[in-house]
Structures are given as C-alpha cells and as structure tokens.
Protein backbone atom coordinates (compact mmCIF):
# COMPACT_ATOMS: atom_id res chain seq x y z
CA UNK A 1 0.00 -0.28 0.13
CA UNK A 2 1.38 3.23 -0.23
CA UNK A 3 1.79 6.10 1.81
CA UNK A 4 0.54 9.54 1.09
CA UNK A 5 0.49 13.08 3.09
CA UNK A 6 -2.79 12.73 3.40
CA UNK A 7 -2.56 9.25 4.96
CA UNK A 8 -0.04 10.70 8.23
CA UNK A 9 -0.43 12.57 11.08
CA UNK A 10 0.79 15.99 9.04
CA UNK A 11 -1.13 19.17 8.71
CA UNK A 12 0.35 22.59 7.57
CA UNK A 13 2.06 23.41 11.13
CA UNK A 14 3.87 20.26 10.82
CA UNK A 15 4.30 20.93 7.31
CA UNK A 16 5.93 24.58 8.37
CA UNK A 17 8.08 23.06 11.00
CA UNK A 18 9.95 21.18 8.62
CA UNK A 19 10.26 24.05 6.64
CA UNK A 20 11.11 25.72 9.74
CA UNK A 21 13.62 23.17 10.33
CA UNK A 22 15.27 23.29 6.44
CA UNK A 23 15.42 27.41 5.75
CA UNK A 24 17.69 27.19 9.75
CA UNK A 25 19.79 24.77 8.23
CA UNK A 26 19.85 26.38 4.66
CA UNK A 27 21.40 29.43 6.28
CA UNK A 28 23.88 27.62 8.64
CA UNK A 29 24.77 26.12 5.25
CA UNK A 30 24.78 28.93 3.50
CA UNK A 31 26.98 31.21 6.29
CA UNK A 32 29.22 27.83 6.41
CA UNK A 33 30.22 28.58 2.71
CA UNK A 34 30.29 32.41 2.92
CA UNK A 35 32.85 31.70 6.27
CA UNK A 36 34.95 29.67 3.58
CA UNK A 37 38.71 30.44 3.13
CA UNK A 38 37.95 31.12 -0.87
CA UNK A 39 34.65 32.67 -0.61
CA UNK A 40 32.20 32.85 -3.20
CA UNK A 41 32.97 30.03 -4.69
CA UNK A 42 29.82 28.31 -6.56
CA UNK A 43 28.97 24.48 -5.77
CA UNK A 44 31.79 23.12 -7.97
CA UNK A 45 34.43 25.43 -6.04
CA UNK A 46 37.67 23.26 -5.23
CA UNK A 47 41.26 23.62 -4.30
CA UNK A 48 41.97 20.53 -5.93
CA UNK A 49 41.79 20.83 -9.94
CA UNK A 50 39.01 19.19 -11.42
CA UNK A 51 39.65 15.65 -12.95
CA UNK A 52 37.89 15.88 -17.13
CA UNK A 53 36.77 13.04 -18.33
CA UNK A 54 33.93 13.64 -22.09
CA UNK A 55 32.55 16.98 -21.46
CA UNK A 56 32.47 17.08 -17.71
CA UNK A 57 34.75 17.97 -14.76
CA UNK A 58 34.31 16.50 -11.89
CA UNK A 59 35.44 18.60 -8.60
CA UNK A 60 35.31 17.44 -4.94
CA UNK A 61 33.45 13.82 -3.46
CA UNK A 62 30.76 14.73 -1.76
CA UNK A 63 29.56 10.89 -0.71
CA UNK A 64 31.70 7.69 -1.32
CA UNK A 65 30.81 3.70 -1.26
CA UNK A 66 31.71 0.60 -1.83
CA UNK A 67 31.13 0.49 -5.87
CA UNK A 68 31.59 4.50 -6.17
CA UNK A 69 31.95 8.27 -4.95
CA UNK A 70 29.77 11.10 -6.01
CA UNK A 71 30.99 14.22 -7.15
CA UNK A 72 30.25 17.68 -7.53
CA UNK A 73 30.45 18.05 -11.22
CA UNK A 74 29.99 20.29 -14.21
CA UNK A 75 28.87 19.68 -17.84
CA UNK A 76 30.63 21.73 -20.13
CA UNK A 77 28.15 22.74 -23.31
CA UNK A 78 29.16 24.66 -26.36
CA UNK A 79 29.03 28.64 -26.74
CA UNK A 80 29.94 28.57 -22.78
CA UNK A 81 26.91 26.40 -21.96
CA UNK A 82 27.49 24.80 -18.21
CA UNK A 83 25.54 22.96 -15.84
CA UNK A 84 25.86 21.85 -11.95
CA UNK A 85 25.12 18.18 -12.18
CA UNK A 86 26.17 15.12 -9.73
CA UNK A 87 28.65 11.95 -10.97
CA UNK A 88 28.73 9.18 -9.99
CA UNK A 89 32.20 7.68 -10.43
CA UNK A 90 33.37 4.13 -10.14
CA UNK A 91 35.88 3.45 -8.75
CA UNK A 92 38.42 2.86 -10.79
CA UNK A 93 39.94 -0.33 -9.97
CA UNK A 94 36.18 -1.83 -10.50
CA UNK A 95 35.84 0.00 -13.64
CA UNK A 96 38.35 -3.18 -15.17
CA UNK A 97 35.76 -6.07 -13.50
CA UNK A 98 32.88 -6.71 -16.08
CA UNK A 99 30.37 -7.84 -13.38
CA UNK A 100 30.73 -4.48 -11.61
CA UNK A 101 30.44 -2.61 -15.04
CA UNK A 102 27.37 -4.06 -16.23
CA UNK A 103 25.66 -4.29 -12.32
CA UNK A 104 26.82 0.26 -12.46
CA UNK A 105 25.56 0.18 -16.12
CA UNK A 106 22.17 -1.93 -15.24
CA UNK A 107 21.68 0.95 -12.07
CA UNK A 108 21.79 3.55 -14.92
CA UNK A 109 19.32 1.62 -16.79
CA UNK A 110 16.20 1.78 -14.37
CA UNK A 111 17.49 4.89 -12.64
CA UNK A 112 16.92 6.72 -16.02
CA UNK A 113 13.32 5.20 -16.38
CA UNK A 114 12.19 6.51 -12.78
CA UNK A 115 10.03 10.16 -12.77
CA UNK A 116 9.17 11.39 -9.91
CA UNK A 117 10.20 14.64 -7.80
CA UNK A 118 11.81 12.68 -5.14
CA UNK A 119 14.16 10.55 -7.14
CA UNK A 120 16.72 12.81 -9.05
CA UNK A 121 17.01 12.21 -12.48
CA UNK A 122 19.64 10.43 -14.78
CA UNK A 123 20.97 13.04 -18.01
CA UNK A 124 24.22 10.60 -18.78
CA UNK A 125 26.09 7.40 -18.48
CA UNK A 126 29.19 8.19 -19.83
CA UNK A 127 32.59 5.24 -20.97
CA UNK A 128 35.49 6.79 -20.92
CA UNK A 129 38.95 4.13 -20.95
CA UNK A 130 39.51 3.59 -17.09
CA UNK A 131 36.32 5.38 -16.40
CA UNK A 132 32.67 5.06 -15.80
CA UNK A 133 29.80 8.11 -14.86
CA UNK A 134 26.84 7.94 -14.02
CA UNK A 135 25.56 11.66 -14.50
CA UNK A 136 22.67 13.17 -12.11
CA UNK A 137 20.76 15.95 -11.81
CA UNK A 138 22.50 17.36 -9.16
CA UNK A 139 20.00 18.72 -5.68
CA UNK A 140 22.06 20.70 -2.98
CA UNK A 141 20.75 20.16 -0.19
CA UNK A 142 21.83 18.51 3.67
CA UNK A 143 22.25 15.20 4.07
CA UNK A 144 20.12 13.98 6.93
CA UNK A 145 23.36 12.92 8.83
CA UNK A 146 24.54 16.23 8.40
CA UNK A 147 20.91 17.49 9.84
CA UNK A 148 21.37 14.90 13.03
CA UNK A 149 24.66 16.19 13.26
CA UNK A 150 24.17 19.60 13.68
CA UNK A 151 21.17 18.82 16.14
CA UNK A 152 22.89 17.22 17.98
CA UNK A 153 25.61 20.31 18.43
CA UNK A 154 22.48 21.76 19.54
CA UNK A 155 21.48 18.99 22.62
CA UNK A 156 18.67 19.00 20.09
CA UNK A 157 16.86 16.14 18.30
CA UNK A 158 15.48 15.93 15.16
CA UNK A 159 11.47 17.25 15.52
CA UNK A 160 9.28 14.06 15.03
CA UNK A 161 6.97 16.01 12.02
CA UNK A 162 10.15 16.31 9.73
CA UNK A 163 11.36 12.90 10.77
CA UNK A 164 7.38 11.75 9.79
CA UNK A 165 7.78 14.51 6.98
CA UNK A 166 11.81 12.78 5.23
CA UNK A 167 10.19 9.06 5.17
CA UNK A 168 7.16 10.12 3.67
CA UNK A 169 9.55 11.50 0.69
CA UNK A 170 11.52 8.94 0.83
CA UNK A 171 8.86 6.23 0.88
CA UNK A 172 7.36 8.03 -2.12
CA UNK A 173 10.62 8.29 -4.23
CA UNK A 174 10.98 4.02 -3.64
CA UNK A 175 7.00 3.52 -4.46
CA UNK A 176 7.78 5.70 -8.01
CA UNK A 177 10.43 3.52 -8.17
CA UNK A 178 9.02 0.15 -7.50
CA UNK A 179 6.03 1.02 -9.59
CA UNK A 180 8.19 1.88 -12.88
CA UNK A 181 10.29 -1.41 -12.34
CA UNK A 182 7.64 -3.27 -12.10
C-alpha cells in the first residue's frame, strides 16, 4: 500500500515546522560557505584541480560507497553553456571488472526510467578509458546525517514531524521506483 501525506498525521503546521528546520539549516549552510577561505565559490568550487572526462569536469567528492564516489561536477557544453551536475564515478579498480561494470550500467538504465520529484534524474552515462560515470541532476541540500549532526551539536533532536516528512518523501520515491520497474 502506498503512503501519502493525507494518510499521515501531518498538517499544515507540521509542514511549516519542517520548512523552518530546512530554512534554518540552509541559512547555516550558506554561512558556512561564505566563511570559507575561498568565499564566493560556486557549487563546484574546489581547491583541487578538476578531473575532465569527456564533456564533464569532476570536482570534490561528497559521498562514497563500496562501488563508487559521487562528485559535484559541471557539464561543459557549446557556446559557454554549463550546468552543475552530480557525477557517480565507479571506483577505478572496479571499472576494469566486467561484473561491476554490468551492475553499474544496469543501475543507470533502471534509474533513468524513474520519474518522480523525490528521485534524482539520470542525465547521462559516460564510458571513457578506465572511467565509468553516471551523471545525475545535482540537488543542493543537507544530508539527513548532517541534519542530525547539527541538531545534536545544539543538544536537540530531529522533531518527529520532520522525521516523518523525510520518511514519507523517501517512501514516495521508493514507491515510484518500484512502480516504474514492475
């Protein structure tokens, strides 16, 4: 059975609490960025040199797992066009393993079929010598772990209505994925 916001105990007041926490964290995040030593950098600013793969520049990694790292990147197009993207990069040692390459490509194929506001869209799959990249929309936001970390540093907990709203969003995205793939 699907879960919708109407089925939950959330009301307009709860959603405004969710928005208040989000706005508080976003303004804190903006203050953190502006206090950076390189103030004014955009989302792909980095002290390190970017890696170029085809028409994409890969900057800092912001997540890592057993198979891949996710980088902030930039699509470089014609006539000065560019766009900030998220790039999932298969670990180099796995990019030489047919089984892992096949799993990564299957993930790209399946994920590209899902269309839902709570699921990041797949834009491209790039294969270059020694590289396999899954290019997705970049969604600037705070992770749930960062939310919990910041609240704990203030001796606070995630409000129940915020946790419920996050879980509902996750479940809606999962429902869309399962509906698309079945």
